[in-house]
Amino acid sequence: MPEKSVRWADTNELFYYTSPNHSPISSSSGSPGPMTPPPVQPNVLSLNESLRFKRNLGYELDLSKDPREGNLGAVMSNDSATIPQLAHIRILSSQLPFSVHIGEPKQGMGITMGDLLYRLHLALREKASEAELDKEEPEKKKAILKAFKARCEKLKERNVGTSVQEEKAGPRKIDYLQGRHIFAGFEILPPRDLPTLRLHVR
């Protein structure tokens, strides 16, 4: 498995880049890496209909699982995530104390629906350190740890070995969502320095 390195920028923004063969690489804005300057934001931006926040997406995606093993399908995964196609996207959530910056796998390729969901999954798989958890309010930290334990218990239903490994690994970023792992879509936020999407889960 390729080595993965993740660094946190002062703005608490996680940068995620994945090569075409899906070996993850990331870098912060203050460190050298594959990052290129974000392009000028388009005047009009729309989301792929399959990603837009609505009551029924037509599919179910658990963000704790690799979306490449789900029911997206090759055609849907290769569709552009946005119109026009973008090279950089930031993702925010009211439940996450950090933002996720998704970069295109290769300059000029643009971000597909599969790219966006896979790299979001990778970002949420990152471990949550004790120092990070200590920054939360006591009740929020308690809820995150409760979600972590519940996630491990649920894993036992499918694979005891995997559950044991997760328990040893400790809480992950996805546990900030407090058990709400099902992707419910994105909405486009008002224009910023970078095209930004708000993540919805249920």
Protein backbone atom coordinates (compact mmCIF):
# COMPACT_ATOMS: atom_id res chain seq x y z
CA MET A 1 0.00 0.00 0.00
CA PRO A 2 1.47 3.43 -0.94
CA GLU A 3 2.70 5.59 1.92
CA LYS A 4 0.30 8.36 2.87
CA SER A 5 1.26 11.64 4.49
CA VAL A 6 -1.25 14.11 5.85
CA ARG A 7 -0.44 17.52 7.30
CA TRP A 8 -2.78 20.08 8.81
CA ALA A 9 -2.52 23.70 7.74
CA ASP A 10 -2.88 26.60 10.16
CA THR A 11 -6.38 27.13 8.81
CA ASN A 12 -7.24 23.52 9.72
CA GLU A 13 -7.70 22.56 6.09
CA LEU A 14 -6.91 19.05 4.86
CA PHE A 15 -5.58 18.85 1.31
CA TYR A 16 -6.30 15.62 -0.57
CA TYR A 17 -4.81 14.60 -3.89
CA THR A 18 -5.03 11.15 -5.43
CA SER A 19 -3.17 9.87 -8.45
CA PRO A 20 -5.15 8.22 -11.27
CA ASN A 21 -4.46 4.80 -9.70
CA HIS A 22 -5.94 6.08 -6.42
CA SER A 23 -2.77 6.14 -4.31
CA PRO A 24 -3.48 9.03 -1.89
CA ILE A 25 -1.09 11.94 -1.41
CA SER A 26 -1.79 15.13 0.48
CA SER A 27 -0.06 18.36 1.34
CA SER A 28 -0.85 21.55 3.22
CA SER A 29 -0.77 25.04 1.84
CA GLY A 30 2.39 25.71 3.83
CA SER A 31 4.33 22.69 2.61
CA PRO A 32 5.74 21.52 -0.71
CA GLY A 33 3.66 19.02 -2.63
CA PRO A 34 1.62 18.43 -5.75
CA MET A 35 -0.67 21.39 -5.06
CA THR A 36 -1.11 23.93 -7.84
CA PRO A 37 -2.74 27.34 -7.39
CA PRO A 38 -6.56 27.11 -7.43
CA PRO A 39 -8.09 28.27 -10.71
CA VAL A 40 -10.29 31.31 -11.00
CA GLN A 41 -13.74 30.47 -9.67
CA PRO A 42 -16.38 30.17 -12.42
CA ASN A 43 -19.20 32.72 -12.52
CA VAL A 44 -21.90 30.04 -12.57
CA LEU A 45 -21.40 26.68 -10.90
CA SER A 46 -23.80 23.74 -10.74
CA LEU A 47 -23.54 20.33 -9.13
CA ASN A 48 -23.97 16.97 -10.76
CA GLU A 49 -27.62 16.12 -10.08
CA SER A 50 -26.53 12.87 -8.40
CA LEU A 51 -24.60 14.88 -5.79
CA ARG A 52 -27.17 17.60 -5.09
CA PHE A 53 -28.72 17.62 -1.60
CA LYS A 54 -32.29 16.32 -1.81
CA ARG A 55 -34.66 13.87 -0.16
CA ASN A 56 -33.75 10.91 -2.38
CA LEU A 57 -30.41 10.66 -4.18
CA GLY A 58 -31.37 7.39 -5.87
CA TYR A 59 -28.55 5.50 -4.17
CA GLU A 60 -27.19 4.96 -0.66
CA LEU A 61 -23.59 5.70 0.21
CA ASP A 62 -22.05 5.08 3.63
CA LEU A 63 -19.11 7.48 3.95
CA SER A 64 -17.36 5.10 6.35
CA LYS A 65 -16.98 2.62 3.46
CA ASP A 66 -14.93 2.84 0.26
CA PRO A 67 -17.37 4.20 -2.38
CA ARG A 68 -15.56 2.23 -5.09
CA GLU A 69 -17.02 -0.91 -3.51
CA GLY A 70 -20.55 0.48 -3.41
CA ASN A 71 -23.40 0.85 -5.88
CA LEU A 72 -22.34 4.02 -7.71
CA GLY A 73 -21.46 2.30 -10.96
CA ALA A 74 -18.63 3.14 -13.35
CA VAL A 75 -20.60 5.61 -15.46
CA MET A 76 -21.78 7.64 -12.47
CA SER A 77 -18.30 7.58 -10.88
CA ASN A 78 -16.71 8.98 -14.04
CA ASP A 79 -19.23 11.81 -14.43
CA SER A 80 -17.98 15.31 -13.68
CA ALA A 81 -18.78 16.37 -10.12
CA THR A 82 -19.63 19.90 -11.26
CA ILE A 83 -20.44 21.95 -14.33
CA PRO A 84 -18.05 23.35 -15.34
CA GLN A 85 -15.55 20.74 -14.20
CA LEU A 86 -13.25 21.98 -11.42
CA ALA A 87 -9.66 21.29 -10.38
CA HIS A 88 -10.15 22.22 -6.71
CA ILE A 89 -13.11 21.98 -4.33
CA ARG A 90 -13.41 22.67 -0.61
CA ILE A 91 -15.89 20.70 1.54
CA LEU A 92 -17.34 21.99 4.82
CA SER A 93 -19.73 20.50 7.36
CA SER A 94 -21.26 22.02 10.47
CA GLN A 95 -20.15 18.92 12.39
CA LEU A 96 -16.53 18.90 11.23
CA PRO A 97 -14.00 21.31 12.82
CA PHE A 98 -11.95 21.26 9.63
CA SER A 99 -12.45 21.64 5.90
CA VAL A 100 -11.43 19.15 3.22
CA HIS A 101 -9.71 20.40 0.07
CA ILE A 102 -10.10 18.05 -2.90
CA GLY A 103 -7.69 18.41 -5.82
CA GLU A 104 -7.93 16.86 -9.27
CA PRO A 105 -5.89 13.62 -9.68
CA LYS A 106 -3.86 15.10 -12.53
CA GLN A 107 -3.64 18.62 -13.90
CA GLY A 108 -6.29 19.16 -16.54
CA MET A 109 -8.35 16.07 -15.64
CA GLY A 110 -10.86 17.79 -13.37
CA ILE A 111 -12.70 16.26 -10.42
CA THR A 112 -15.20 13.49 -11.13
CA MET A 113 -18.01 12.34 -8.88
CA GLY A 114 -15.95 9.26 -8.00
CA ASP A 115 -12.90 11.40 -7.18
CA LEU A 116 -14.89 13.64 -4.87
CA LEU A 117 -16.58 10.87 -2.89
CA TYR A 118 -13.50 8.65 -2.67
CA ARG A 119 -11.25 11.42 -1.39
CA LEU A 120 -13.88 12.58 1.08
CA HIS A 121 -13.97 9.00 2.36
CA LEU A 122 -10.16 9.02 2.72
CA ALA A 123 -10.22 12.31 4.61
CA LEU A 124 -12.82 10.98 7.05
CA ARG A 125 -10.71 7.84 7.57
CA GLU A 126 -7.89 9.91 9.06
CA LYS A 127 -7.32 9.31 12.77
CA ALA A 128 -8.51 11.88 15.28
CA SER A 129 -5.71 12.51 17.76
CA GLU A 130 -6.24 13.02 21.47
CA ALA A 131 -4.99 16.59 21.08
CA GLU A 132 -7.64 17.27 18.42
CA LEU A 133 -10.39 15.72 20.53
CA ASP A 134 -9.34 17.77 23.55
CA LYS A 135 -10.09 20.94 21.58
CA GLU A 136 -13.79 20.00 21.56
CA GLU A 137 -16.27 20.84 24.28
CA PRO A 138 -16.54 17.98 26.85
CA GLU A 139 -20.02 16.97 25.68
CA LYS A 140 -18.97 17.00 22.01
CA LYS A 141 -15.89 14.89 22.77
CA LYS A 142 -18.05 12.44 24.71
CA ALA A 143 -20.45 12.16 21.75
CA ILE A 144 -17.55 11.56 19.32
CA LEU A 145 -16.12 8.77 21.49
CA LYS A 146 -19.59 7.25 21.84
CA ALA A 147 -19.94 7.26 18.04
CA PHE A 148 -16.53 5.61 17.73
CA LYS A 149 -17.53 2.76 20.06
CA ALA A 150 -20.87 2.31 18.28
CA ARG A 151 -19.11 2.16 14.89
CA CYS A 152 -16.76 -0.56 16.16
CA GLU A 153 -19.67 -2.55 17.58
CA LYS A 154 -21.52 -2.36 14.27
CA LEU A 155 -18.41 -3.58 12.45
CA LYS A 156 -18.48 -6.75 14.56
CA GLU A 157 -21.65 -7.77 12.74
CA ARG A 158 -19.66 -7.99 9.48
CA ASN A 159 -16.09 -8.70 10.50
CA VAL A 160 -14.80 -9.19 14.04
CA GLY A 161 -11.18 -8.84 12.93
CA THR A 162 -11.82 -5.47 11.30
CA SER A 163 -13.69 -4.30 14.39
CA VAL A 164 -10.73 -5.18 16.61
CA GLN A 165 -8.37 -3.30 14.28
CA GLU A 166 -10.60 -0.22 14.37
CA GLU A 167 -10.76 -0.31 18.16
CA LYS A 168 -6.96 -0.37 18.31
CA ALA A 169 -6.68 2.46 15.76
CA GLY A 170 -8.87 4.74 17.85
CA PRO A 171 -11.36 7.43 16.77
CA ARG A 172 -11.33 8.72 13.22
CA LYS A 173 -12.52 11.96 11.65
CA ILE A 174 -15.76 10.28 10.59
CA ASP A 175 -16.70 9.90 14.25
CA TYR A 176 -17.15 13.68 14.41
CA LEU A 177 -20.34 12.99 12.42
CA GLN A 178 -21.64 11.10 15.48
CA GLY A 179 -22.94 8.06 13.64
CA ARG A 180 -24.53 9.92 10.73
CA HIS A 181 -22.51 8.35 7.92
CA ILE A 182 -25.03 8.21 5.09
CA PHE A 183 -24.29 10.73 2.37
CA ALA A 184 -27.27 13.02 1.74
CA GLY A 185 -25.71 15.32 -0.85
CA PHE A 186 -23.93 18.65 -1.18
CA GLU A 187 -25.09 22.22 -1.57
CA ILE A 188 -23.04 24.99 -3.15
CA LEU A 189 -22.09 27.77 -0.73
CA PRO A 190 -21.84 31.46 -1.73
CA PRO A 191 -18.73 32.38 -3.74
CA ARG A 192 -15.46 32.30 -1.81
CA ASP A 193 -11.77 32.14 -2.65
CA LEU A 194 -12.38 28.52 -3.68
CA PRO A 195 -15.56 26.71 -4.86
CA THR A 196 -17.04 25.37 -1.62
CA LEU A 197 -19.63 22.67 -0.92
CA ARG A 198 -21.52 21.95 2.29
CA LEU A 199 -21.78 18.26 3.14
CA HIS A 200 -25.12 16.86 4.34
CA VAL A 201 -25.44 13.49 6.08
CA ARG A 202 -28.16 11.52 7.76
